[in-house]
Amino acid sequence: QAPLIQRWFSADPGAGDPYGLYAA
């Protein structure tokens, strides 16, 4: 889920850098 959720987050071009979610 960690990589999947980051990938799904970045599916929106305006969402921003997904790598910060890995800290959470």
mmCIF file of all heavy atoms, coordinates in Angstrom:
data_MODEL
# 
_entry.id   MODEL 
# 
loop_
_atom_site.group_PDB 
_atom_site.id 
_atom_site.type_symbol 
_atom_site.label_atom_id 
_atom_site.label_alt_id 
_atom_site.label_comp_id 
_atom_site.label_asym_id 
_atom_site.label_entity_id 
_atom_site.label_seq_id 
_atom_site.pdbx_PDB_ins_code 
_atom_site.Cartn_x 
_atom_site.Cartn_y 
_atom_site.Cartn_z 
_atom_site.occupancy 
_atom_site.B_iso_or_equiv 
_atom_site.pdbx_formal_charge 
_atom_site.auth_seq_id 
_atom_site.auth_comp_id 
_atom_site.auth_asym_id 
_atom_site.auth_atom_id 
_atom_site.pdbx_PDB_model_num 
ATOM 1   N N   . GLN A 1 1  ? 0.794  -1.229 0.000   1.00 0.00 ? 1  GLN A N   1 
ATOM 2   C CA  . GLN A 1 1  ? 0.000  0.000  0.000   1.00 0.00 ? 1  GLN A CA  1 
ATOM 3   C C   . GLN A 1 1  ? 0.828  1.281  0.000   1.00 0.00 ? 1  GLN A C   1 
ATOM 4   O O   . GLN A 1 1  ? 0.384  2.291  -0.548  1.00 0.00 ? 1  GLN A O   1 
ATOM 5   C CB  . GLN A 1 1  ? -0.963 -0.002 1.189   1.00 0.00 ? 1  GLN A CB  1 
ATOM 6   C CG  . GLN A 1 1  ? -2.060 -1.015 0.997   1.00 0.00 ? 1  GLN A CG  1 
ATOM 7   C CD  . GLN A 1 1  ? -3.103 -0.995 2.078   1.00 0.00 ? 1  GLN A CD  1 
ATOM 8   O OE1 . GLN A 1 1  ? -3.920 -1.880 2.124   1.00 0.00 ? 1  GLN A OE1 1 
ATOM 9   N NE2 . GLN A 1 1  ? -3.093 -0.015 2.952   1.00 0.00 ? 1  GLN A NE2 1 
ATOM 10  N N   . ALA A 1 2  ? 2.007  1.269  0.606   1.00 0.00 ? 2  ALA A N   1 
ATOM 11  C CA  . ALA A 1 2  ? 2.803  2.499  0.629   1.00 0.00 ? 2  ALA A CA  1 
ATOM 12  C C   . ALA A 1 2  ? 3.093  2.990  -0.794  1.00 0.00 ? 2  ALA A C   1 
ATOM 13  O O   . ALA A 1 2  ? 2.802  4.155  -1.118  1.00 0.00 ? 2  ALA A O   1 
ATOM 14  C CB  . ALA A 1 2  ? 4.092  2.293  1.420   1.00 0.00 ? 2  ALA A CB  1 
ATOM 15  N N   . PRO A 1 3  ? 3.649  2.137  -1.693  1.00 0.00 ? 3  PRO A N   1 
ATOM 16  C CA  . PRO A 1 3  ? 3.853  2.629  -3.066  1.00 0.00 ? 3  PRO A CA  1 
ATOM 17  C C   . PRO A 1 3  ? 2.547  2.828  -3.826  1.00 0.00 ? 3  PRO A C   1 
ATOM 18  O O   . PRO A 1 3  ? 2.433  3.764  -4.631  1.00 0.00 ? 3  PRO A O   1 
ATOM 19  C CB  . PRO A 1 3  ? 4.718  1.544  -3.718  1.00 0.00 ? 3  PRO A CB  1 
ATOM 20  C CG  . PRO A 1 3  ? 4.500  0.321  -2.908  1.00 0.00 ? 3  PRO A CG  1 
ATOM 21  C CD  . PRO A 1 3  ? 4.246  0.797  -1.511  1.00 0.00 ? 3  PRO A CD  1 
ATOM 22  N N   . LEU A 1 4  ? 1.558  1.972  -3.598  1.00 0.00 ? 4  LEU A N   1 
ATOM 23  C CA  . LEU A 1 4  ? 0.300  2.104  -4.330  1.00 0.00 ? 4  LEU A CA  1 
ATOM 24  C C   . LEU A 1 4  ? -0.407 3.413  -4.008  1.00 0.00 ? 4  LEU A C   1 
ATOM 25  O O   . LEU A 1 4  ? -0.877 4.129  -4.910  1.00 0.00 ? 4  LEU A O   1 
ATOM 26  C CB  . LEU A 1 4  ? -0.624 0.925  -4.022  1.00 0.00 ? 4  LEU A CB  1 
ATOM 27  C CG  . LEU A 1 4  ? -0.319 -0.394 -4.737  1.00 0.00 ? 4  LEU A CG  1 
ATOM 28  C CD1 . LEU A 1 4  ? -1.273 -1.482 -4.262  1.00 0.00 ? 4  LEU A CD1 1 
ATOM 29  C CD2 . LEU A 1 4  ? -0.419 -0.223 -6.255  1.00 0.00 ? 4  LEU A CD2 1 
ATOM 30  N N   . ILE A 1 5  ? -0.512 3.743  -2.727  1.00 0.00 ? 5  ILE A N   1 
ATOM 31  C CA  . ILE A 1 5  ? -1.220 4.960  -2.344  1.00 0.00 ? 5  ILE A CA  1 
ATOM 32  C C   . ILE A 1 5  ? -0.485 6.192  -2.864  1.00 0.00 ? 5  ILE A C   1 
ATOM 33  O O   . ILE A 1 5  ? -1.110 7.171  -3.308  1.00 0.00 ? 5  ILE A O   1 
ATOM 34  C CB  . ILE A 1 5  ? -1.411 5.017  -0.816  1.00 0.00 ? 5  ILE A CB  1 
ATOM 35  C CG1 . ILE A 1 5  ? -2.422 3.935  -0.383  1.00 0.00 ? 5  ILE A CG1 1 
ATOM 36  C CG2 . ILE A 1 5  ? -1.902 6.389  -0.366  1.00 0.00 ? 5  ILE A CG2 1 
ATOM 37  C CD1 . ILE A 1 5  ? -2.601 3.810  1.111   1.00 0.00 ? 5  ILE A CD1 1 
ATOM 38  N N   . GLN A 1 6  ? 0.847  6.159  -2.833  1.00 0.00 ? 6  GLN A N   1 
ATOM 39  C CA  . GLN A 1 6  ? 1.600  7.284  -3.402  1.00 0.00 ? 6  GLN A CA  1 
ATOM 40  C C   . GLN A 1 6  ? 1.339  7.400  -4.907  1.00 0.00 ? 6  GLN A C   1 
ATOM 41  O O   . GLN A 1 6  ? 1.201  8.500  -5.445  1.00 0.00 ? 6  GLN A O   1 
ATOM 42  C CB  . GLN A 1 6  ? 3.097  7.089  -3.146  1.00 0.00 ? 6  GLN A CB  1 
ATOM 43  C CG  . GLN A 1 6  ? 3.485  7.248  -1.678  1.00 0.00 ? 6  GLN A CG  1 
ATOM 44  C CD  . GLN A 1 6  ? 4.942  6.929  -1.454  1.00 0.00 ? 6  GLN A CD  1 
ATOM 45  O OE1 . GLN A 1 6  ? 5.812  7.723  -1.747  1.00 0.00 ? 6  GLN A OE1 1 
ATOM 46  N NE2 . GLN A 1 6  ? 5.204  5.738  -0.924  1.00 0.00 ? 6  GLN A NE2 1 
ATOM 47  N N   . ARG A 1 7  ? 1.257  6.273  -5.587  1.00 0.00 ? 7  ARG A N   1 
ATOM 48  C CA  . ARG A 1 7  ? 0.986  6.282  -7.029  1.00 0.00 ? 7  ARG A CA  1 
ATOM 49  C C   . ARG A 1 7  ? -0.411 6.829  -7.307  1.00 0.00 ? 7  ARG A C   1 
ATOM 50  O O   . ARG A 1 7  ? -0.616 7.637  -8.213  1.00 0.00 ? 7  ARG A O   1 
ATOM 51  C CB  . ARG A 1 7  ? 1.137  4.870  -7.583  1.00 0.00 ? 7  ARG A CB  1 
ATOM 52  C CG  . ARG A 1 7  ? 1.037  4.795  -9.115  1.00 0.00 ? 7  ARG A CG  1 
ATOM 53  C CD  . ARG A 1 7  ? 1.124  3.356  -9.584  1.00 0.00 ? 7  ARG A CD  1 
ATOM 54  N NE  . ARG A 1 7  ? 1.080  3.291  -11.032 1.00 0.00 ? 7  ARG A NE  1 
ATOM 55  C CZ  . ARG A 1 7  ? 2.142  3.240  -11.817 1.00 0.00 ? 7  ARG A CZ  1 
ATOM 56  N NH1 . ARG A 1 7  ? 3.348  3.242  -11.285 1.00 0.00 ? 7  ARG A NH1 1 
ATOM 57  N NH2 . ARG A 1 7  ? 2.022  3.184  -13.124 1.00 0.00 ? 7  ARG A NH2 1 
ATOM 58  N N   . TRP A 1 8  ? -1.371 6.385  -6.505  1.00 0.00 ? 8  TRP A N   1 
ATOM 59  C CA  . TRP A 1 8  ? -2.736 6.862  -6.705  1.00 0.00 ? 8  TRP A CA  1 
ATOM 60  C C   . TRP A 1 8  ? -2.846 8.355  -6.378  1.00 0.00 ? 8  TRP A C   1 
ATOM 61  O O   . TRP A 1 8  ? -3.609 9.075  -7.010  1.00 0.00 ? 8  TRP A O   1 
ATOM 62  C CB  . TRP A 1 8  ? -3.697 6.056  -5.835  1.00 0.00 ? 8  TRP A CB  1 
ATOM 63  C CG  . TRP A 1 8  ? -3.725 4.596  -6.196  1.00 0.00 ? 8  TRP A CG  1 
ATOM 64  C CD1 . TRP A 1 8  ? -3.369 4.023  -7.381  1.00 0.00 ? 8  TRP A CD1 1 
ATOM 65  C CD2 . TRP A 1 8  ? -4.122 3.519  -5.343  1.00 0.00 ? 8  TRP A CD2 1 
ATOM 66  N NE1 . TRP A 1 8  ? -3.515 2.658  -7.329  1.00 0.00 ? 8  TRP A NE1 1 
ATOM 67  C CE2 . TRP A 1 8  ? -3.979 2.310  -6.080  1.00 0.00 ? 8  TRP A CE2 1 
ATOM 68  C CE3 . TRP A 1 8  ? -4.569 3.418  -4.029  1.00 0.00 ? 8  TRP A CE3 1 
ATOM 69  C CZ2 . TRP A 1 8  ? -4.273 1.055  -5.552  1.00 0.00 ? 8  TRP A CZ2 1 
ATOM 70  C CZ3 . TRP A 1 8  ? -4.871 2.179  -3.492  1.00 0.00 ? 8  TRP A CZ3 1 
ATOM 71  C CH2 . TRP A 1 8  ? -4.725 1.017  -4.255  1.00 0.00 ? 8  TRP A CH2 1 
ATOM 72  N N   . PHE A 1 9  ? -2.101 8.790  -5.389  1.00 0.00 ? 9  PHE A N   1 
ATOM 73  C CA  . PHE A 1 9  ? -2.097 10.217 -5.054  1.00 0.00 ? 9  PHE A CA  1 
ATOM 74  C C   . PHE A 1 9  ? -1.588 11.047 -6.233  1.00 0.00 ? 9  PHE A C   1 
ATOM 75  O O   . PHE A 1 9  ? -2.155 12.092 -6.573  1.00 0.00 ? 9  PHE A O   1 
ATOM 76  C CB  . PHE A 1 9  ? -1.214 10.446 -3.826  1.00 0.00 ? 9  PHE A CB  1 
ATOM 77  C CG  . PHE A 1 9  ? -1.106 11.881 -3.410  1.00 0.00 ? 9  PHE A CG  1 
ATOM 78  C CD1 . PHE A 1 9  ? -2.093 12.480 -2.644  1.00 0.00 ? 9  PHE A CD1 1 
ATOM 79  C CD2 . PHE A 1 9  ? -0.008 12.656 -3.776  1.00 0.00 ? 9  PHE A CD2 1 
ATOM 80  C CE1 . PHE A 1 9  ? -2.002 13.805 -2.259  1.00 0.00 ? 9  PHE A CE1 1 
ATOM 81  C CE2 . PHE A 1 9  ? 0.092  13.982 -3.395  1.00 0.00 ? 9  PHE A CE2 1 
ATOM 82  C CZ  . PHE A 1 9  ? -0.904 14.555 -2.635  1.00 0.00 ? 9  PHE A CZ  1 
ATOM 83  N N   . SER A 1 10 ? -0.509 10.566 -6.873  1.00 0.00 ? 10 SER A N   1 
ATOM 84  C CA  . SER A 1 10 ? 0.094  11.327 -7.971  1.00 0.00 ? 10 SER A CA  1 
ATOM 85  C C   . SER A 1 10 ? -0.705 11.224 -9.262  1.00 0.00 ? 10 SER A C   1 
ATOM 86  O O   . SER A 1 10 ? -0.360 11.863 -10.260 1.00 0.00 ? 10 SER A O   1 
ATOM 87  C CB  . SER A 1 10 ? 1.526  10.843 -8.225  1.00 0.00 ? 10 SER A CB  1 
ATOM 88  O OG  . SER A 1 10 ? 1.537  9.521  -8.732  1.00 0.00 ? 10 SER A OG  1 
ATOM 89  N N   . ALA A 1 11 ? -1.783 10.424 -9.277  1.00 0.00 ? 11 ALA A N   1 
ATOM 90  C CA  . ALA A 1 11 ? -2.618 10.338 -10.476 1.00 0.00 ? 11 ALA A CA  1 
ATOM 91  C C   . ALA A 1 11 ? -3.250 11.683 -10.813 1.00 0.00 ? 11 ALA A C   1 
ATOM 92  O O   . ALA A 1 11 ? -3.592 11.954 -11.968 1.00 0.00 ? 11 ALA A O   1 
ATOM 93  C CB  . ALA A 1 11 ? -3.705 9.277  -10.282 1.00 0.00 ? 11 ALA A CB  1 
ATOM 94  N N   . ASP A 1 12 ? -3.414 12.522 -9.792  1.00 0.00 ? 12 ASP A N   1 
ATOM 95  C CA  . ASP A 1 12 ? -3.893 13.883 -10.020 1.00 0.00 ? 12 ASP A CA  1 
ATOM 96  C C   . ASP A 1 12 ? -2.680 14.770 -10.291 1.00 0.00 ? 12 ASP A C   1 
ATOM 97  O O   . ASP A 1 12 ? -1.831 14.940 -9.406  1.00 0.00 ? 12 ASP A O   1 
ATOM 98  C CB  . ASP A 1 12 ? -4.638 14.377 -8.784  1.00 0.00 ? 12 ASP A CB  1 
ATOM 99  C CG  . ASP A 1 12 ? -5.227 15.768 -8.987  1.00 0.00 ? 12 ASP A CG  1 
ATOM 100 O OD1 . ASP A 1 12 ? -4.900 16.416 -9.993  1.00 0.00 ? 12 ASP A OD1 1 
ATOM 101 O OD2 . ASP A 1 12 ? -6.010 16.199 -8.122  1.00 0.00 ? 12 ASP A OD2 1 
ATOM 102 N N   . PRO A 1 13 ? -2.535 15.325 -11.496 1.00 0.00 ? 13 PRO A N   1 
ATOM 103 C CA  . PRO A 1 13 ? -1.349 16.129 -11.822 1.00 0.00 ? 13 PRO A CA  1 
ATOM 104 C C   . PRO A 1 13 ? -1.122 17.294 -10.863 1.00 0.00 ? 13 PRO A C   1 
ATOM 105 O O   . PRO A 1 13 ? 0.009  17.746 -10.689 1.00 0.00 ? 13 PRO A O   1 
ATOM 106 C CB  . PRO A 1 13 ? -1.637 16.634 -13.242 1.00 0.00 ? 13 PRO A CB  1 
ATOM 107 C CG  . PRO A 1 13 ? -2.629 15.659 -13.796 1.00 0.00 ? 13 PRO A CG  1 
ATOM 108 C CD  . PRO A 1 13 ? -3.466 15.222 -12.634 1.00 0.00 ? 13 PRO A CD  1 
ATOM 109 N N   . GLY A 1 14 ? -2.163 17.772 -10.203 1.00 0.00 ? 14 GLY A N   1 
ATOM 110 C CA  . GLY A 1 14 ? -2.001 18.899 -9.299  1.00 0.00 ? 14 GLY A CA  1 
ATOM 111 C C   . GLY A 1 14 ? -1.787 18.512 -7.854  1.00 0.00 ? 14 GLY A C   1 
ATOM 112 O O   . GLY A 1 14 ? -1.758 19.377 -6.974  1.00 0.00 ? 14 GLY A O   1 
ATOM 113 N N   . ALA A 1 15 ? -1.636 17.208 -7.579  1.00 0.00 ? 15 ALA A N   1 
ATOM 114 C CA  . ALA A 1 15 ? -1.539 16.752 -6.191  1.00 0.00 ? 15 ALA A CA  1 
ATOM 115 C C   . ALA A 1 15 ? -0.219 17.127 -5.533  1.00 0.00 ? 15 ALA A C   1 
ATOM 116 O O   . ALA A 1 15 ? -0.140 17.327 -4.323  1.00 0.00 ? 15 ALA A O   1 
ATOM 117 C CB  . ALA A 1 15 ? -1.734 15.231 -6.131  1.00 0.00 ? 15 ALA A CB  1 
ATOM 118 N N   . GLY A 1 16 ? 0.865  17.190 -6.308  1.00 0.00 ? 16 GLY A N   1 
ATOM 119 C CA  . GLY A 1 16 ? 2.171  17.478 -5.732  1.00 0.00 ? 16 GLY A CA  1 
ATOM 120 C C   . GLY A 1 16 ? 3.041  16.243 -5.661  1.00 0.00 ? 16 GLY A C   1 
ATOM 121 O O   . GLY A 1 16 ? 2.705  15.178 -6.174  1.00 0.00 ? 16 GLY A O   1 
ATOM 122 N N   . ASP A 1 17 ? 4.202  16.391 -5.012  1.00 0.00 ? 17 ASP A N   1 
ATOM 123 C CA  . ASP A 1 17 ? 5.185  15.310 -4.907  1.00 0.00 ? 17 ASP A CA  1 
ATOM 124 C C   . ASP A 1 17 ? 4.652  14.212 -3.988  1.00 0.00 ? 17 ASP A C   1 
ATOM 125 O O   . ASP A 1 17 ? 4.387  14.461 -2.810  1.00 0.00 ? 17 ASP A O   1 
ATOM 126 C CB  . ASP A 1 17 ? 6.502  15.862 -4.357  1.00 0.00 ? 17 ASP A CB  1 
ATOM 127 C CG  . ASP A 1 17 ? 7.619  14.826 -4.395  1.00 0.00 ? 17 ASP A CG  1 
ATOM 128 O OD1 . ASP A 1 17 ? 7.348  13.666 -4.758  1.00 0.00 ? 17 ASP A OD1 1 
ATOM 129 O OD2 . ASP A 1 17 ? 8.768  15.185 -4.066  1.00 0.00 ? 17 ASP A OD2 1 
ATOM 130 N N   . PRO A 1 18 ? 4.508  12.977 -4.485  1.00 0.00 ? 18 PRO A N   1 
ATOM 131 C CA  . PRO A 1 18 ? 3.953  11.911 -3.646  1.00 0.00 ? 18 PRO A CA  1 
ATOM 132 C C   . PRO A 1 18 ? 4.942  11.350 -2.637  1.00 0.00 ? 18 PRO A C   1 
ATOM 133 O O   . PRO A 1 18 ? 4.552  10.658 -1.692  1.00 0.00 ? 18 PRO A O   1 
ATOM 134 C CB  . PRO A 1 18 ? 3.567  10.836 -4.669  1.00 0.00 ? 18 PRO A CB  1 
ATOM 135 C CG  . PRO A 1 18 ? 4.554  11.023 -5.778  1.00 0.00 ? 18 PRO A CG  1 
ATOM 136 C CD  . PRO A 1 18 ? 4.788  12.510 -5.860  1.00 0.00 ? 18 PRO A CD  1 
ATOM 137 N N   . TYR A 1 19 ? 6.254  11.593 -2.825  1.00 0.00 ? 19 TYR A N   1 
ATOM 138 C CA  . TYR A 1 19 ? 7.250  10.959 -1.966  1.00 0.00 ? 19 TYR A CA  1 
ATOM 139 C C   . TYR A 1 19 ? 7.132  11.392 -0.510  1.00 0.00 ? 19 TYR A C   1 
ATOM 140 O O   . TYR A 1 19 ? 7.545  10.675 0.394   1.00 0.00 ? 19 TYR A O   1 
ATOM 141 C CB  . TYR A 1 19 ? 8.662  11.249 -2.487  1.00 0.00 ? 19 TYR A CB  1 
ATOM 142 C CG  . TYR A 1 19 ? 9.012  10.472 -3.727  1.00 0.00 ? 19 TYR A CG  1 
ATOM 143 C CD1 . TYR A 1 19 ? 8.975  11.073 -4.984  1.00 0.00 ? 19 TYR A CD1 1 
ATOM 144 C CD2 . TYR A 1 19 ? 9.378  9.135  -3.651  1.00 0.00 ? 19 TYR A CD2 1 
ATOM 145 C CE1 . TYR A 1 19 ? 9.295  10.368 -6.126  1.00 0.00 ? 19 TYR A CE1 1 
ATOM 146 C CE2 . TYR A 1 19 ? 9.698  8.412  -4.797  1.00 0.00 ? 19 TYR A CE2 1 
ATOM 147 C CZ  . TYR A 1 19 ? 9.656  9.030  -6.032  1.00 0.00 ? 19 TYR A CZ  1 
ATOM 148 O OH  . TYR A 1 19 ? 9.973  8.315  -7.158  1.00 0.00 ? 19 TYR A OH  1 
ATOM 149 N N   . GLY A 1 20 ? 6.561  12.569 -0.283  1.00 0.00 ? 20 GLY A N   1 
ATOM 150 C CA  . GLY A 1 20 ? 6.373  13.014 1.092   1.00 0.00 ? 20 GLY A CA  1 
ATOM 151 C C   . GLY A 1 20 ? 5.453  12.101 1.886   1.00 0.00 ? 20 GLY A C   1 
ATOM 152 O O   . GLY A 1 20 ? 5.548  12.025 3.111   1.00 0.00 ? 20 GLY A O   1 
ATOM 153 N N   . LEU A 1 21 ? 4.546  11.403 1.186   1.00 0.00 ? 21 LEU A N   1 
ATOM 154 C CA  . LEU A 1 21 ? 3.650  10.479 1.885   1.00 0.00 ? 21 LEU A CA  1 
ATOM 155 C C   . LEU A 1 21 ? 4.405  9.314  2.525   1.00 0.00 ? 21 LEU A C   1 
ATOM 156 O O   . LEU A 1 21 ? 3.919  8.698  3.470   1.00 0.00 ? 21 LEU A O   1 
ATOM 157 C CB  . LEU A 1 21 ? 2.602  9.918  0.914   1.00 0.00 ? 21 LEU A CB  1 
ATOM 158 C CG  . LEU A 1 21 ? 1.515  10.876 0.425   1.00 0.00 ? 21 LEU A CG  1 
ATOM 159 C CD1 . LEU A 1 21 ? 0.618  10.174 -0.579  1.00 0.00 ? 21 LEU A CD1 1 
ATOM 160 C CD2 . LEU A 1 21 ? 0.698  11.401 1.586   1.00 0.00 ? 21 LEU A CD2 1 
ATOM 161 N N   . TYR A 1 22 ? 5.591  9.011  1.987   1.00 0.00 ? 22 TYR A N   1 
ATOM 162 C CA  . TYR A 1 22 ? 6.359  7.891  2.547   1.00 0.00 ? 22 TYR A CA  1 
ATOM 163 C C   . TYR A 1 22 ? 6.819  8.200  3.967   1.00 0.00 ? 22 TYR A C   1 
ATOM 164 O O   . TYR A 1 22 ? 6.998  7.293  4.779   1.00 0.00 ? 22 TYR A O   1 
ATOM 165 C CB  . TYR A 1 22 ? 7.554  7.575  1.652   1.00 0.00 ? 22 TYR A CB  1 
ATOM 166 C CG  . TYR A 1 22 ? 8.136  6.201  1.889   1.00 0.00 ? 22 TYR A CG  1 
ATOM 167 C CD1 . TYR A 1 22 ? 7.362  5.062  1.731   1.00 0.00 ? 22 TYR A CD1 1 
ATOM 168 C CD2 . TYR A 1 22 ? 9.463  6.041  2.277   1.00 0.00 ? 22 TYR A CD2 1 
ATOM 169 C CE1 . TYR A 1 22 ? 7.880  3.803  1.945   1.00 0.00 ? 22 TYR A CE1 1 
ATOM 170 C CE2 . TYR A 1 22 ? 10.001 4.785  2.491   1.00 0.00 ? 22 TYR A CE2 1 
ATOM 171 C CZ  . TYR A 1 22 ? 9.206  3.670  2.324   1.00 0.00 ? 22 TYR A CZ  1 
ATOM 172 O OH  . TYR A 1 22 ? 9.738  2.416  2.551   1.00 0.00 ? 22 TYR A OH  1 
ATOM 173 N N   . ALA A 1 23 ? 7.018  9.491  4.266   1.00 0.00 ? 23 ALA A N   1 
ATOM 174 C CA  . ALA A 1 23 ? 7.350  9.877  5.640   1.00 0.00 ? 23 ALA A CA  1 
ATOM 175 C C   . ALA A 1 23 ? 6.200  9.529  6.576   1.00 0.00 ? 23 ALA A C   1 
ATOM 176 O O   . ALA A 1 23 ? 6.399  8.989  7.669   1.00 0.00 ? 23 ALA A O   1 
ATOM 177 C CB  . ALA A 1 23 ? 7.667  11.367 5.708   1.00 0.00 ? 23 ALA A CB  1 
ATOM 178 N N   . ALA A 1 24 ? 4.958  9.817  6.138   1.00 0.00 ? 24 ALA A N   1 
ATOM 179 C CA  . ALA A 1 24 ? 3.786  9.464  6.951   1.00 0.00 ? 24 ALA A CA  1 
ATOM 180 C C   . ALA A 1 24 ? 3.675  7.957  7.112   1.00 0.00 ? 24 ALA A C   1 
ATOM 181 O O   . ALA A 1 24 ? 3.304  7.462  8.181   1.00 0.00 ? 24 ALA A O   1 
ATOM 182 C CB  . ALA A 1 24 ? 2.522  10.023 6.300   1.00 0.00 ? 24 ALA A CB  1 
# 
